Amino acid sequence: MGGLFGVASRGDCVQDIFYGTDYHSHLGTFRGGLVCINSAGFKRYIHDITNSQFRSKFEDDVAKMHGHKGIGVISDTDDQPLIIGSHLGTFAIATVGRINNLDQLATDLFRKGSHFSEMSGDTINPTEMVAKLICQGETFVDGIKRAQDLIDGSCTLLLLAKDGVYAARDRLGRTPLIIGKKLGSYAVAMETCAFPNIGYEHVRDLGPGEIVRITEDGVEQLKGPGARLQICAFLWVYYGYPSSNYEGINTEAVRYKCGACLARHEKGIGIDLVTGIPDSGTAHGIGYSNEAKVPFMRPFVKYTPTWPRSFMPHDQNHRNLVARMKLLPIQEFIEGKRMLFCEDSIVRGTQLRDTIQQLYTLGAREVHMRPACPPLVYGCKFLNFSRSKSELDLAARQAIKELGGEGGDLKEFADPDSDKYKAMVENIRKQLHLTSLKYQRLDDLVRAIGLPKELLCTYCWDGAE
């Protein structure tokens, strides 16, 4: 996915950019980047953070940086921020999103005599594509609007220029952008958890497609928000940090409600304990435990000093290694126990299958699973939330294929009251060797979030656009 953070300040802003960007590290582990501007121009550093934490890679760099304005990025796709020279002036840019029509946009630009320099093999850097589209405008705002209109997918961005930090939320608001302030400084972030410990207070969320310019004096609206919001519901299920709020709704509170919803649908299941797969599954498990009045325990603990979130690495074998190595079992809470696990989701199921097998090896009597969201029937086409090369890798799609439903209408498989849905879930249960498997209903998830369904992107569960 990725994260963004920017600051405009009356004083030096480098420390705020450094720590604010670091508070987005849970959103990606591919590249990190910082850039600031001062009277001498732009100063930028980009590092590979696949095998070490953002903070350790940039600690020496921040001592060499100074300026009153800057931006930082945690990128899960490409090297950024980029520094671009153009008729609009020199600017730095960082983006989060997904461009489905990247090849078509490139073909159109090639016809006009344009070229790309930030190539990785034969792949065009998506952030450079956004910069190219912006440079076709007469102003930064005109160019950003042009990019928002042309991109199929999503794009949230920060643009650093001499006159301030331009912040633009995705046209349909699939990812958040949030304004913070403290004395003499204004900041913009994707995660509100970045604000408190560096002294910022949450001012407001940008609306879908809204564009603002941030300076040390305040926030100037350059384009008002659009009428339609489609924020990714998966932020509350998994991506978002527990202390962060989106659209005024706290992530941890939603996860407790998700767990409680799951528990309310149970009828006399006999279990000894409830738990959650760390980290995001923990809050769902606590919500279930509180509602069901069954003890919450930790038969697995996560080794946090060195192991990242297991969806992050690009290589499947490395993801499996991370998933296996980061969880340490406590046999005393496993042997002879009937256990119910809450998990944020089941994506491919490969890592989960190994975890379940380990529980049985350690003597668990029963292993029940309660994912906090519905089955992922459709591959996300708006954000890079799944590492699967194809939506056919999804556990639900594998089950549908085995049931002979691939290539047909998937709507019935997404309907929790249909026979095809029940057969799909039973197939997944057997594949994972679970005692029982029940998914969250979409209407319960929407209710837990607290926003009307039409304001949420739920495409990966029901195919709705």
Protein backbone atom coordinates (compact mmCIF):
# COMPACT_ATOMS: atom_id res chain seq x y z
CA MET A 1 0.00 0.00 0.00
CA GLY A 2 2.29 2.81 1.24
CA GLY A 3 2.17 5.93 3.40
CA LEU A 4 2.74 9.67 3.06
CA PHE A 5 3.70 12.47 5.45
CA GLY A 6 4.47 16.13 4.80
CA VAL A 7 5.22 19.29 6.80
CA ALA A 8 5.42 23.04 6.26
CA SER A 9 6.89 24.88 9.25
CA ARG A 10 8.28 28.21 10.40
CA GLY A 11 11.25 26.31 11.82
CA ASP A 12 13.27 23.37 10.60
CA CYS A 13 10.89 20.49 9.82
CA VAL A 14 13.29 17.60 9.21
CA GLN A 15 12.79 15.85 12.55
CA ASP A 16 9.01 16.01 12.14
CA ILE A 17 9.22 14.56 8.62
CA PHE A 18 11.55 11.80 9.83
CA TYR A 19 9.38 10.66 12.74
CA GLY A 20 6.08 11.32 10.98
CA THR A 21 7.08 9.17 8.02
CA ASP A 22 8.38 6.46 10.33
CA TYR A 23 4.89 6.19 11.88
CA HIS A 24 3.71 4.95 8.46
CA SER A 25 6.18 2.04 8.36
CA HIS A 26 3.43 -0.54 8.92
CA LEU A 27 2.12 0.30 5.43
CA GLY A 28 5.10 -0.98 3.43
CA THR A 29 8.63 -2.36 3.54
CA PHE A 30 10.00 -1.82 0.05
CA ARG A 31 11.40 1.74 -0.20
CA GLY A 32 11.51 4.75 2.08
CA GLY A 33 12.22 8.30 1.01
CA LEU A 34 12.61 11.80 2.44
CA VAL A 35 13.00 15.14 0.66
CA CYS A 36 13.12 18.71 1.92
CA ILE A 37 13.59 22.08 0.28
CA ASN A 38 15.62 25.09 1.38
CA SER A 39 17.36 28.05 -0.24
CA ALA A 40 19.94 25.71 -1.82
CA GLY A 41 17.24 23.54 -3.44
CA PHE A 42 16.05 19.99 -2.82
CA LYS A 43 17.80 17.43 -0.63
CA ARG A 44 16.60 13.85 -1.01
CA TYR A 45 17.41 10.37 0.27
CA ILE A 46 15.86 7.05 -0.79
CA HIS A 47 16.71 3.70 0.79
CA ASP A 48 15.77 0.05 0.41
CA ILE A 49 13.96 -0.91 3.63
CA THR A 50 13.15 -4.52 2.79
CA ASN A 51 15.63 -5.91 5.30
CA SER A 52 15.89 -3.11 7.87
CA GLN A 53 13.62 -0.58 9.48
CA PHE A 54 13.02 2.88 8.02
CA ARG A 55 14.37 4.70 11.05
CA SER A 56 17.72 2.94 11.10
CA LYS A 57 18.26 3.62 7.38
CA PHE A 58 17.63 7.37 7.64
CA GLU A 59 19.10 8.31 11.03
CA ASP A 60 22.38 9.50 9.48
CA ASP A 61 20.67 11.28 6.59
CA VAL A 62 18.47 13.58 8.65
CA ALA A 63 21.56 15.18 10.16
CA LYS A 64 22.47 16.35 6.63
CA MET A 65 19.03 17.76 5.84
CA HIS A 66 17.41 21.06 6.75
CA GLY A 67 14.45 23.05 5.50
CA HIS A 68 11.05 24.46 6.38
CA LYS A 69 9.10 22.19 4.03
CA GLY A 70 9.40 18.51 3.18
CA ILE A 71 7.67 15.22 2.47
CA GLY A 72 8.33 11.57 3.26
CA VAL A 73 7.04 8.30 1.88
CA ILE A 74 6.92 4.62 2.71
CA SER A 75 6.56 3.00 -0.71
CA ASP A 76 5.45 -0.53 -1.39
CA THR A 77 5.94 -0.22 -5.14
CA ASP A 78 8.68 2.08 -6.42
CA ASP A 79 11.56 4.42 -5.66
CA GLN A 80 10.27 7.80 -4.49
CA PRO A 81 10.01 10.74 -3.87
CA LEU A 82 11.01 11.80 -7.37
CA ILE A 83 12.41 15.25 -8.17
CA ILE A 84 11.06 16.62 -11.44
CA GLY A 85 12.09 19.62 -13.51
CA SER A 86 9.23 21.10 -15.53
CA HIS A 87 7.61 24.23 -16.96
CA LEU A 88 5.76 24.43 -13.62
CA GLY A 89 9.07 24.62 -11.79
CA THR A 90 11.06 21.97 -9.99
CA PHE A 91 9.06 19.82 -7.59
CA ALA A 92 9.26 16.59 -5.60
CA ILE A 93 6.42 14.10 -5.64
CA ALA A 94 5.36 10.97 -3.74
CA THR A 95 2.28 8.86 -4.40
CA VAL A 96 0.22 6.01 -2.97
CA GLY A 97 -2.20 4.05 -5.12
CA ARG A 98 -2.49 1.87 -8.16
CA ILE A 99 -2.60 2.73 -11.87
CA ASN A 100 -4.40 -0.01 -13.81
CA ASN A 101 -4.08 1.79 -17.14
CA LEU A 102 -0.36 2.51 -16.79
CA ASP A 103 0.53 0.97 -20.18
CA GLN A 104 -2.19 2.87 -22.03
CA LEU A 105 -1.19 6.17 -20.43
CA ALA A 106 2.44 5.48 -21.37
CA THR A 107 1.47 4.72 -24.98
CA ASP A 108 -0.43 8.02 -25.19
CA LEU A 109 2.58 9.92 -23.84
CA PHE A 110 5.02 8.13 -26.15
CA ARG A 111 2.93 9.30 -29.10
CA LYS A 112 3.43 12.86 -27.89
CA GLY A 113 7.21 12.40 -27.80
CA SER A 114 7.49 11.96 -24.05
CA HIS A 115 9.93 9.58 -22.36
CA PHE A 116 10.44 7.96 -18.95
CA SER A 117 13.71 7.79 -17.04
CA GLU A 118 12.81 6.01 -13.77
CA MET A 119 12.61 2.52 -15.30
CA SER A 120 12.90 -0.76 -13.41
CA GLY A 121 13.47 -3.29 -16.17
CA ASP A 122 10.62 -2.69 -18.59
CA THR A 123 8.33 -1.26 -15.90
CA ILE A 124 7.49 2.43 -15.69
CA ASN A 125 7.67 4.01 -12.26
CA PRO A 126 4.02 4.84 -11.40
CA THR A 127 5.04 8.00 -9.55
CA GLU A 128 6.87 9.26 -12.63
CA MET A 129 3.71 8.63 -14.64
CA VAL A 130 1.72 10.79 -12.21
CA ALA A 131 4.38 13.50 -12.48
CA LYS A 132 4.21 13.39 -16.29
CA LEU A 133 0.43 13.82 -16.20
CA ILE A 134 0.73 16.74 -13.77
CA CYS A 135 3.29 18.44 -16.01
CA GLN A 136 0.73 18.52 -18.82
CA GLY A 137 -1.32 20.99 -16.81
CA GLU A 138 -0.98 24.76 -16.82
CA THR A 139 -0.65 24.82 -13.02
CA PHE A 140 0.00 22.22 -10.32
CA VAL A 141 -3.69 22.13 -9.48
CA ASP A 142 -4.71 21.78 -13.13
CA GLY A 143 -2.15 18.99 -13.55
CA ILE A 144 -3.24 17.13 -10.42
CA LYS A 145 -6.87 17.27 -11.55
CA ARG A 146 -5.81 15.94 -14.93
CA ALA A 147 -4.00 13.01 -13.28
CA GLN A 148 -6.99 12.23 -11.06
CA ASP A 149 -9.30 12.18 -14.08
CA LEU A 150 -7.07 9.99 -16.26
CA ILE A 151 -5.95 7.36 -13.75
CA ASP A 152 -7.94 4.13 -13.58
CA GLY A 153 -7.38 2.89 -10.03
CA SER A 154 -6.44 5.28 -7.28
CA CYS A 155 -3.88 7.98 -6.54
CA THR A 156 -3.22 10.00 -3.40
CA LEU A 157 -0.19 12.27 -3.55
CA LEU A 158 2.03 14.88 -1.94
CA LEU A 159 3.88 17.40 -4.10
CA LEU A 160 6.63 19.58 -2.65
CA ALA A 161 7.29 22.91 -4.38
CA LYS A 162 8.83 26.23 -3.40
CA ASP A 163 5.46 27.67 -2.45
CA GLY A 164 4.30 24.81 -0.23
CA VAL A 165 3.24 21.20 0.05
CA TYR A 166 0.38 20.28 -2.29
CA ALA A 167 -1.75 17.44 -0.94
CA ALA A 168 -4.34 15.64 -3.07
CA ARG A 169 -6.54 12.81 -1.91
CA ASP A 170 -7.59 10.12 -4.36
CA ARG A 171 -10.55 11.10 -6.53
CA LEU A 172 -12.86 8.73 -4.63
CA GLY A 173 -10.99 8.94 -1.34
CA ARG A 174 -9.97 5.28 -1.31
CA THR A 175 -6.98 6.21 0.85
CA PRO A 176 -7.07 8.91 3.54
CA LEU A 177 -5.24 12.22 3.87
CA ILE A 178 -5.47 14.06 7.17
CA ILE A 179 -4.36 17.53 8.25
CA GLY A 180 -2.63 18.22 11.58
CA LYS A 181 -1.26 21.37 13.17
CA LYS A 182 0.88 22.65 16.01
CA LEU A 183 2.30 26.07 16.78
CA GLY A 184 4.13 27.28 13.68
CA SER A 185 3.63 24.09 11.65
CA TYR A 186 1.07 22.22 9.59
CA ALA A 187 1.32 18.58 8.57
CA VAL A 188 -0.47 16.12 6.33
CA ALA A 189 -0.52 12.35 6.92
CA MET A 190 -2.31 9.18 5.95
CA GLU A 191 -2.28 7.94 9.55
CA THR A 192 -3.39 10.05 12.52
CA CYS A 193 -1.13 7.92 14.72
CA ALA A 194 1.74 10.00 13.30
CA PHE A 195 0.53 13.17 15.02
CA PRO A 196 0.42 12.93 18.85
CA ASN A 197 4.04 12.11 19.73
CA ILE A 198 5.44 14.89 17.53
CA GLY A 199 3.02 17.45 18.89
CA TYR A 200 0.36 17.75 16.17
CA GLU A 201 -3.37 17.76 16.70
CA HIS A 202 -5.84 16.38 14.18
CA VAL A 203 -7.59 19.22 12.32
CA ARG A 204 -9.65 17.50 9.62
CA ASP A 205 -9.70 14.86 6.89
CA LEU A 206 -9.44 15.89 3.27
CA GLY A 207 -12.47 14.92 1.21
CA PRO A 208 -12.39 12.72 -1.90
CA GLY A 209 -10.45 14.44 -4.68
CA GLU A 210 -9.76 17.49 -2.54
CA ILE A 211 -6.55 19.43 -3.23
CA VAL A 212 -4.93 21.79 -0.72
CA ARG A 213 -1.69 23.73 -0.42
CA ILE A 214 -0.02 23.63 2.98
CA THR A 215 2.32 26.37 4.17
CA GLU A 216 3.60 27.43 7.55
CA ASP A 217 0.66 29.87 7.68
CA GLY A 218 -2.13 27.37 7.14
CA VAL A 219 -4.03 25.22 4.68
CA GLU A 220 -5.47 26.70 1.48
CA GLN A 221 -8.15 24.74 -0.34
CA LEU A 222 -7.45 24.69 -4.09
CA LYS A 223 -10.14 22.21 -5.15
CA GLY A 224 -13.13 21.22 -3.09
CA PRO A 225 -14.05 17.60 -2.33
CA GLY A 226 -16.12 15.53 -4.71
CA ALA A 227 -19.56 14.24 -3.84
CA ARG A 228 -18.69 10.52 -3.81
CA LEU A 229 -16.57 8.79 -1.16
CA GLN A 230 -15.35 5.19 -1.51
CA ILE A 231 -12.80 4.77 1.29
CA CYS A 232 -11.24 1.32 1.55
CA ALA A 233 -13.02 -0.60 4.31
CA PHE A 234 -9.97 -2.84 4.69
CA LEU A 235 -8.21 0.03 6.49
CA TRP A 236 -10.29 -0.71 9.58
CA VAL A 237 -10.03 -4.48 9.16
CA TYR A 238 -6.27 -4.76 8.69
CA TYR A 239 -4.15 -1.99 7.19
CA GLY A 240 -4.80 0.83 9.60
CA TYR A 241 -2.83 1.30 12.79
CA PRO A 242 -4.94 0.70 15.95
CA SER A 243 -4.65 4.28 17.22
CA SER A 244 -5.48 5.87 13.85
CA ASN A 245 -8.82 7.38 12.88
CA TYR A 246 -10.30 7.66 9.40
CA GLU A 247 -13.38 9.77 8.76
CA GLY A 248 -13.41 10.26 12.53
CA ILE A 249 -13.72 6.52 13.26
CA ASN A 250 -11.05 4.72 15.32
CA THR A 251 -9.52 1.52 13.96
CA GLU A 252 -9.21 -0.38 17.25
CA ALA A 253 -12.81 0.42 18.22
CA VAL A 254 -14.04 -0.97 14.89
CA ARG A 255 -12.05 -4.16 15.37
CA TYR A 256 -13.59 -4.72 18.81
CA LYS A 257 -17.03 -4.31 17.21
CA CYS A 258 -16.10 -6.74 14.44
CA GLY A 259 -15.19 -9.38 16.99
CA ALA A 260 -18.38 -8.76 18.94
CA CYS A 261 -20.46 -9.16 15.77
CA LEU A 262 -18.82 -12.52 15.10
CA ALA A 263 -19.57 -13.69 18.63
CA ARG A 264 -23.24 -12.68 18.46
CA HIS A 265 -23.81 -15.10 15.58
CA GLU A 266 -22.50 -18.11 17.51
CA LYS A 267 -24.92 -20.67 18.92
CA GLY A 268 -23.48 -22.71 21.77
CA ILE A 269 -19.99 -23.37 20.39
CA GLY A 270 -17.88 -25.06 23.06
CA ILE A 271 -14.44 -23.46 23.32
CA ASP A 272 -11.88 -22.97 26.07
CA LEU A 273 -10.30 -19.74 24.86
CA VAL A 274 -10.41 -16.99 22.28
CA THR A 275 -7.34 -15.49 20.69
CA GLY A 276 -6.28 -13.44 17.70
CA ILE A 277 -3.45 -13.82 15.22
CA PRO A 278 -1.11 -10.90 15.99
CA ASP A 279 -1.27 -8.06 15.43
CA SER A 280 -4.53 -6.98 13.82
CA GLY A 281 -6.35 -10.19 14.72
CA THR A 282 -5.77 -9.48 18.41
CA ALA A 283 -8.30 -6.64 18.60
CA HIS A 284 -10.92 -8.69 16.74
CA GLY A 285 -10.27 -11.51 19.23
CA ILE A 286 -10.68 -9.21 22.23
CA GLY A 287 -14.00 -8.01 20.86
CA TYR A 288 -15.16 -11.60 20.41
CA SER A 289 -13.97 -12.60 23.89
CA ASN A 290 -15.71 -9.69 25.60
CA GLU A 291 -18.99 -10.40 23.84
CA ALA A 292 -18.86 -14.22 24.26
CA LYS A 293 -17.61 -14.07 27.89
CA VAL A 294 -14.88 -16.59 27.01
CA PRO A 295 -11.29 -15.95 28.25
CA PHE A 296 -8.92 -14.22 25.84
CA MET A 297 -5.46 -15.79 25.86
CA ARG A 298 -2.28 -15.59 23.77
CA PRO A 299 -1.15 -19.04 22.59
CA PHE A 300 0.99 -17.20 20.05
CA VAL A 301 3.08 -14.11 20.62
CA LYS A 302 4.70 -12.09 17.87
CA TYR A 303 8.45 -11.53 17.88
CA THR A 304 8.31 -7.82 17.11
CA PRO A 305 11.96 -6.66 17.20
CA THR A 306 12.85 -7.93 13.74
CA TRP A 307 9.88 -9.43 11.90
CA PRO A 308 7.53 -7.22 9.83
CA ARG A 309 3.93 -7.80 8.76
CA SER A 310 3.93 -10.93 6.62
CA PHE A 311 2.04 -9.50 3.63
CA MET A 312 4.81 -6.97 2.99
CA PRO A 313 7.75 -8.81 1.33
CA HIS A 314 7.40 -9.14 -2.43
CA ASP A 315 8.60 -12.74 -2.64
CA GLN A 316 6.08 -15.44 -1.63
CA ASN A 317 8.76 -17.65 -0.05
CA HIS A 318 9.95 -14.73 2.04
CA ARG A 319 6.37 -13.94 3.09
CA ASN A 320 5.93 -17.53 4.24
CA LEU A 321 9.21 -17.34 6.15
CA VAL A 322 8.15 -14.14 7.93
CA ALA A 323 4.75 -15.60 8.80
CA ARG A 324 6.36 -18.72 10.29
CA MET A 325 9.21 -17.07 12.16
CA LYS A 326 7.38 -14.11 13.68
CA LEU A 327 4.90 -16.18 15.75
CA LEU A 328 6.20 -17.99 18.83
CA PRO A 329 3.87 -20.60 20.38
CA ILE A 330 3.11 -21.02 24.08
CA GLN A 331 2.34 -24.74 24.39
CA GLU A 332 0.72 -24.44 27.83
CA PHE A 333 -2.12 -22.46 26.23
CA ILE A 334 -2.45 -24.84 23.27
CA GLU A 335 -2.20 -28.44 24.40
CA GLY A 336 -5.62 -30.02 24.96
CA LYS A 337 -7.46 -26.76 24.25
CA ARG A 338 -10.48 -26.00 22.07
CA MET A 339 -9.36 -22.73 20.52
CA LEU A 340 -11.13 -20.05 18.53
CA PHE A 341 -8.92 -17.73 16.48
CA CYS A 342 -9.97 -14.39 15.12
CA GLU A 343 -8.05 -13.22 12.08
CA ASP A 344 -8.37 -10.03 10.06
CA SER A 345 -8.87 -11.96 6.81
CA ILE A 346 -7.96 -15.03 4.81
CA VAL A 347 -6.18 -13.95 1.64
CA ARG A 348 -4.34 -16.93 0.12
CA GLY A 349 -4.43 -19.12 3.23
CA THR A 350 -0.94 -20.56 2.70
CA GLN A 351 0.53 -19.02 5.84
CA LEU A 352 -2.58 -19.70 7.90
CA ARG A 353 -2.54 -23.39 6.95
CA ASP A 354 0.96 -23.75 8.41
CA THR A 355 -0.08 -21.97 11.61
CA ILE A 356 -3.10 -24.24 12.06
CA GLN A 357 -1.00 -27.35 11.50
CA GLN A 358 1.45 -26.16 14.13
CA LEU A 359 -1.40 -25.83 16.62
CA TYR A 360 -2.47 -29.43 16.05
CA THR A 361 1.15 -30.57 16.31
CA LEU A 362 1.35 -28.85 19.70
CA GLY A 363 -1.75 -30.70 20.91
CA ALA A 364 -4.73 -28.45 20.20
CA ARG A 365 -8.02 -30.41 20.36
CA GLU A 366 -10.02 -28.07 18.12
CA VAL A 367 -9.15 -25.02 16.05
CA HIS A 368 -12.00 -22.71 15.02
CA MET A 369 -11.45 -19.66 12.80
CA ARG A 370 -13.47 -16.44 12.60
CA PRO A 371 -12.19 -13.95 9.98
CA ALA A 372 -13.27 -10.38 10.67
CA CYS A 373 -14.30 -9.72 7.07
CA PRO A 374 -16.12 -11.71 4.37
CA PRO A 375 -14.31 -14.00 1.90
CA LEU A 376 -12.13 -12.14 -0.60
CA VAL A 377 -13.89 -13.18 -3.78
CA TYR A 378 -12.60 -10.35 -6.00
CA GLY A 379 -8.97 -9.26 -6.28
CA CYS A 380 -8.51 -5.62 -5.25
CA LYS A 381 -8.04 -3.40 -8.30
CA PHE A 382 -7.77 -0.08 -6.52
CA LEU A 383 -4.92 -0.60 -4.04
CA ASN A 384 -1.99 -3.01 -3.85
CA PHE A 385 -3.28 -4.69 -0.72
CA SER A 386 -2.66 -8.27 -1.87
CA ARG A 387 0.63 -9.65 -3.10
CA SER A 388 -1.12 -12.27 -5.22
CA LYS A 389 -0.05 -12.02 -8.85
CA SER A 390 -3.60 -13.02 -9.75
CA GLU A 391 -6.94 -12.88 -7.98
CA LEU A 392 -7.12 -16.60 -8.78
CA ASP A 393 -4.56 -17.10 -5.98
CA LEU A 394 -7.13 -16.00 -3.41
CA ALA A 395 -8.33 -18.82 -1.14
CA ALA A 396 -11.95 -18.11 -2.05
CA ARG A 397 -11.21 -18.22 -5.79
CA GLN A 398 -9.31 -21.47 -5.43
CA ALA A 399 -12.36 -22.93 -3.68
CA ILE A 400 -14.68 -21.57 -6.39
CA LYS A 401 -12.48 -23.14 -9.06
CA GLU A 402 -12.60 -26.54 -7.33
CA LEU A 403 -16.38 -26.23 -7.15
CA GLY A 404 -16.54 -25.56 -10.90
CA GLY A 405 -17.68 -21.98 -10.54
CA GLU A 406 -14.67 -20.16 -12.02
CA GLY A 407 -15.53 -18.24 -15.16
CA GLY A 408 -19.16 -17.79 -14.17
CA ASP A 409 -21.05 -15.20 -12.15
CA LEU A 410 -19.36 -14.80 -8.77
CA LYS A 411 -22.23 -12.95 -7.12
CA GLU A 412 -23.74 -16.07 -5.55
CA PHE A 413 -20.39 -16.99 -4.02
CA ALA A 414 -20.34 -13.56 -2.35
CA ASP A 415 -23.88 -13.99 -0.95
CA PRO A 416 -23.64 -15.44 2.60
CA ASP A 417 -27.16 -16.88 2.34
CA SER A 418 -26.54 -18.86 -0.87
CA ASP A 419 -25.70 -22.54 -1.16
CA LYS A 420 -22.68 -21.71 -3.33
CA TYR A 421 -21.27 -19.47 -0.60
CA LYS A 422 -21.71 -22.21 2.00
CA ALA A 423 -20.01 -24.75 -0.27
CA MET A 424 -17.10 -22.35 -0.86
CA VAL A 425 -16.60 -21.77 2.87
CA GLU A 426 -16.75 -25.51 3.56
CA ASN A 427 -14.11 -26.09 0.88
CA ILE A 428 -11.81 -23.49 2.50
CA ARG A 429 -12.41 -25.05 5.93
CA LYS A 430 -11.33 -28.43 4.70
CA GLN A 431 -8.28 -27.04 2.93
CA LEU A 432 -7.16 -25.32 6.16
CA HIS A 433 -8.06 -28.34 8.38
CA LEU A 434 -10.21 -26.20 10.66
CA THR A 435 -12.81 -27.54 13.07
CA SER A 436 -15.14 -24.76 11.98
CA LEU A 437 -14.95 -21.63 9.84
CA LYS A 438 -17.39 -18.73 9.81
CA TYR A 439 -16.72 -15.41 8.12
CA GLN A 440 -17.96 -11.97 9.07
CA ARG A 441 -21.05 -10.87 7.17
CA LEU A 442 -20.58 -7.73 5.11
CA ASP A 443 -23.58 -6.00 6.66
CA ASP A 444 -22.08 -6.60 10.12
CA LEU A 445 -18.70 -5.24 9.01
CA VAL A 446 -20.34 -2.12 7.61
CA ARG A 447 -22.29 -1.73 10.84
CA ALA A 448 -19.08 -2.05 12.88
CA ILE A 449 -17.37 0.67 10.83
CA GLY A 450 -20.35 2.97 11.23
CA LEU A 451 -20.39 4.58 7.78
CA PRO A 452 -23.12 4.02 5.19
CA LYS A 453 -22.13 1.26 2.78
CA GLU A 454 -22.21 3.64 -0.18
CA LEU A 455 -19.29 5.56 1.37
CA LEU A 456 -17.10 2.42 1.61
CA CYS A 457 -15.20 0.47 -1.02
CA THR A 458 -16.23 -3.16 -0.53
CA TYR A 459 -15.25 -4.37 -4.01
CA CYS A 460 -13.00 -7.23 -2.86
CA TRP A 461 -15.94 -8.82 -0.99
CA ASP A 462 -19.00 -8.16 -3.16
CA GLY A 463 -17.67 -6.73 -6.45
CA ALA A 464 -19.56 -3.46 -5.94
CA GLU A 465 -18.05 -0.39 -7.65
